[in-house]
Amino acid sequence: MKYFFVSEGWTIGRVWASEGLWQITAWRRQPDIQRLNISLVENQELMWLYRIEDAVITVEVTPTNAAVVNQTIGQVVLKRLMTAEQVIERLERAEAKCQLLNTQSVLI
């Protein structure tokens, strides 16, 4: 698996594999992309951690609302996805928080 961080207010756009742009008809499925319940805060900006399958080599992210588009660039292409070890190193250097969605399953 590979990982990347995306700022709050941004969403996943196009995805590329080694053969080029991800084609749902060729792969017969969407790429496996999951937002994890781990985020970090950097310069007062909330960034969410995503996990993506190894076949993906590049991910495009775009702002989700017009206000963000007017204040920033319109898209970013992520070409250097992270390993699990790199994510842990990054979290060690940041103000990080973990959200538990189902607190009923936490062992006491």
C-alpha atoms as a PDB file:
ATOM      1  CA  MET A   1       0.000   0.000   0.000  1.00  0.00           C
ATOM      2  CA  LYS A   2       0.974   3.634  -0.525  1.00  0.00           C
ATOM      3  CA  TYR A   3      -0.114   6.721   1.383  1.00  0.00           C
ATOM      4  CA  PHE A   4      -0.544  10.470   0.974  1.00  0.00           C
ATOM      5  CA  PHE A   5      -1.920  13.438   2.908  1.00  0.00           C
ATOM      6  CA  VAL A   6      -4.627  15.747   1.534  1.00  0.00           C
ATOM      7  CA  SER A   7      -5.770  19.021   3.080  1.00  0.00           C
ATOM      8  CA  GLU A   8      -9.303  19.328   4.416  1.00  0.00           C
ATOM      9  CA  GLY A   9     -11.479  20.768   1.631  1.00  0.00           C
ATOM     10  CA  TRP A  10      -9.695  18.894  -1.180  1.00  0.00           C
ATOM     11  CA  THR A  11     -10.862  15.734  -2.950  1.00  0.00           C
ATOM     12  CA  ILE A  12      -9.386  12.995  -5.133  1.00  0.00           C
ATOM     13  CA  GLY A  13      -9.609  13.593  -8.875  1.00  0.00           C
ATOM     14  CA  ARG A  14      -7.952  11.541 -11.605  1.00  0.00           C
ATOM     15  CA  VAL A  15      -5.708   8.584 -10.828  1.00  0.00           C
ATOM     16  CA  TRP A  16      -2.872   7.092 -12.898  1.00  0.00           C
ATOM     17  CA  ALA A  17      -1.401   3.591 -12.957  1.00  0.00           C
ATOM     18  CA  SER A  18       1.784   2.576 -14.789  1.00  0.00           C
ATOM     19  CA  GLU A  19      -0.228   2.090 -18.010  1.00  0.00           C
ATOM     20  CA  GLY A  20      -1.581   5.652 -17.843  1.00  0.00           C
ATOM     21  CA  LEU A  21      -4.835   7.204 -16.665  1.00  0.00           C
ATOM     22  CA  TRP A  22      -6.899   4.742 -14.563  1.00  0.00           C
ATOM     23  CA  GLN A  23      -9.541   3.189 -16.812  1.00  0.00           C
ATOM     24  CA  ILE A  24     -12.487   1.688 -14.934  1.00  0.00           C
ATOM     25  CA  THR A  25     -13.444  -0.377 -17.982  1.00  0.00           C
ATOM     26  CA  ALA A  26      -9.966  -1.913 -18.247  1.00  0.00           C
ATOM     27  CA  TRP A  27      -9.513  -2.566 -14.506  1.00  0.00           C
ATOM     28  CA  ARG A  28     -13.241  -3.355 -14.060  1.00  0.00           C
ATOM     29  CA  ARG A  29     -13.255  -1.390 -10.805  1.00  0.00           C
ATOM     30  CA  GLN A  30     -12.416   1.900  -9.166  1.00  0.00           C
ATOM     31  CA  PRO A  31      -8.944   2.261  -7.629  1.00  0.00           C
ATOM     32  CA  ASP A  32      -8.811   1.297  -3.950  1.00  0.00           C
ATOM     33  CA  ILE A  33      -8.500   4.644  -2.152  1.00  0.00           C
ATOM     34  CA  GLN A  34      -9.462   4.987   1.509  1.00  0.00           C
ATOM     35  CA  ARG A  35      -9.354   7.998   3.794  1.00  0.00           C
ATOM     36  CA  LEU A  36      -8.046   6.850   7.159  1.00  0.00           C
ATOM     37  CA  ASN A  37      -9.140   8.295  10.495  1.00  0.00           C
ATOM     38  CA  ILE A  38      -5.723   9.867  11.025  1.00  0.00           C
ATOM     39  CA  SER A  39      -4.948  13.509  10.433  1.00  0.00           C
ATOM     40  CA  LEU A  40      -2.212  15.958  11.221  1.00  0.00           C
ATOM     41  CA  VAL A  41      -2.226  19.701  11.683  1.00  0.00           C
ATOM     42  CA  GLU A  42       0.447  21.731   9.953  1.00  0.00           C
ATOM     43  CA  ASN A  43       0.426  25.547   9.910  1.00  0.00           C
ATOM     44  CA  GLN A  44      -3.164  25.430  11.227  1.00  0.00           C
ATOM     45  CA  GLU A  45      -4.190  23.280   8.254  1.00  0.00           C
ATOM     46  CA  LEU A  46      -5.871  19.894   8.788  1.00  0.00           C
ATOM     47  CA  MET A  47      -4.469  17.177   6.517  1.00  0.00           C
ATOM     48  CA  TRP A  48      -6.065  13.708   6.212  1.00  0.00           C
ATOM     49  CA  LEU A  49      -4.125  10.518   5.557  1.00  0.00           C
ATOM     50  CA  TYR A  50      -5.233   8.369   2.597  1.00  0.00           C
ATOM     51  CA  ARG A  51      -4.260   4.796   1.741  1.00  0.00           C
ATOM     52  CA  ILE A  52      -4.085   3.739  -1.906  1.00  0.00           C
ATOM     53  CA  GLU A  53      -3.224   0.499  -3.666  1.00  0.00           C
ATOM     54  CA  ASP A  54       0.261  -0.140  -5.037  1.00  0.00           C
ATOM     55  CA  ALA A  55      -0.876  -0.094  -8.693  1.00  0.00           C
ATOM     56  CA  VAL A  56      -1.470   3.669  -8.443  1.00  0.00           C
ATOM     57  CA  ILE A  57       1.537   5.870  -9.207  1.00  0.00           C
ATOM     58  CA  THR A  58      -0.011   9.370  -9.420  1.00  0.00           C
ATOM     59  CA  VAL A  59      -3.056  11.051  -7.848  1.00  0.00           C
ATOM     60  CA  GLU A  60      -4.684  14.370  -8.714  1.00  0.00           C
ATOM     61  CA  VAL A  61      -6.379  16.345  -5.932  1.00  0.00           C
ATOM     62  CA  THR A  62      -8.690  19.329  -6.405  1.00  0.00           C
ATOM     63  CA  PRO A  63     -10.467  21.755  -4.051  1.00  0.00           C
ATOM     64  CA  THR A  64     -14.070  20.845  -3.222  1.00  0.00           C
ATOM     65  CA  ASN A  65     -15.539  24.353  -3.112  1.00  0.00           C
ATOM     66  CA  ALA A  66     -15.262  27.538  -5.155  1.00  0.00           C
ATOM     67  CA  ALA A  67     -13.909  29.621  -2.255  1.00  0.00           C
ATOM     68  CA  VAL A  68     -10.834  27.398  -2.008  1.00  0.00           C
ATOM     69  CA  VAL A  69     -10.315  27.493  -5.794  1.00  0.00           C
ATOM     70  CA  ASN A  70     -10.286  31.307  -5.797  1.00  0.00           C
ATOM     71  CA  GLN A  71      -7.674  31.428  -3.003  1.00  0.00           C
ATOM     72  CA  THR A  72      -5.377  28.630  -4.158  1.00  0.00           C
ATOM     73  CA  ILE A  73      -4.354  26.698  -7.210  1.00  0.00           C
ATOM     74  CA  GLY A  74      -6.970  24.602  -9.005  1.00  0.00           C
ATOM     75  CA  GLN A  75      -5.314  21.186  -8.751  1.00  0.00           C
ATOM     76  CA  VAL A  76      -2.268  19.341  -7.496  1.00  0.00           C
ATOM     77  CA  VAL A  77      -0.769  16.145  -8.891  1.00  0.00           C
ATOM     78  CA  LEU A  78       0.891  13.908  -6.290  1.00  0.00           C
ATOM     79  CA  LYS A  79       3.692  11.872  -7.844  1.00  0.00           C
ATOM     80  CA  ARG A  80       5.701  10.929  -4.761  1.00  0.00           C
ATOM     81  CA  LEU A  81       3.417   8.703  -2.710  1.00  0.00           C
ATOM     82  CA  MET A  82       4.623   7.617   0.739  1.00  0.00           C
ATOM     83  CA  THR A  83       5.431   4.277   2.319  1.00  0.00           C
ATOM     84  CA  ALA A  84       4.052   3.339   5.748  1.00  0.00           C
ATOM     85  CA  GLU A  85       7.457   4.047   7.291  1.00  0.00           C
ATOM     86  CA  GLN A  86       7.515   7.542   5.776  1.00  0.00           C
ATOM     87  CA  VAL A  87       4.030   8.238   7.161  1.00  0.00           C
ATOM     88  CA  ILE A  88       5.110   7.233  10.662  1.00  0.00           C
ATOM     89  CA  GLU A  89       8.196   9.477  10.414  1.00  0.00           C
ATOM     90  CA  ARG A  90       5.983  12.359   9.241  1.00  0.00           C
ATOM     91  CA  LEU A  91       3.499  11.863  12.082  1.00  0.00           C
ATOM     92  CA  GLU A  92       6.341  11.824  14.612  1.00  0.00           C
ATOM     93  CA  ARG A  93       7.343  15.321  13.519  1.00  0.00           C
ATOM     94  CA  ALA A  94       3.813  16.781  13.459  1.00  0.00           C
ATOM     95  CA  GLU A  95       1.000  17.689  15.788  1.00  0.00           C
ATOM     96  CA  ALA A  96      -1.122  14.608  15.099  1.00  0.00           C
ATOM     97  CA  LYS A  97      -4.499  13.388  16.278  1.00  0.00           C
ATOM     98  CA  CYS A  98      -6.354  10.153  15.776  1.00  0.00           C
ATOM     99  CA  GLN A  99     -10.141   9.984  15.631  1.00  0.00           C
ATOM    100  CA  LEU A 100     -11.990   6.935  16.873  1.00  0.00           C
ATOM    101  CA  LEU A 101     -15.285   6.549  15.047  1.00  0.00           C
ATOM    102  CA  ASN A 102     -16.594   3.601  17.034  1.00  0.00           C
ATOM    103  CA  THR A 103     -15.709   4.172  20.668  1.00  0.00           C
ATOM    104  CA  GLN A 104     -17.967   1.286  21.756  1.00  0.00           C
ATOM    105  CA  SER A 105     -15.431  -1.238  20.474  1.00  0.00           C
ATOM    106  CA  VAL A 106     -12.528   0.184  22.496  1.00  0.00           C
ATOM    107  CA  LEU A 107     -11.304  -2.248  25.133  1.00  0.00           C
ATOM    108  CA  ILE A 108     -11.059  -0.956  28.673  1.00  0.00           C
END
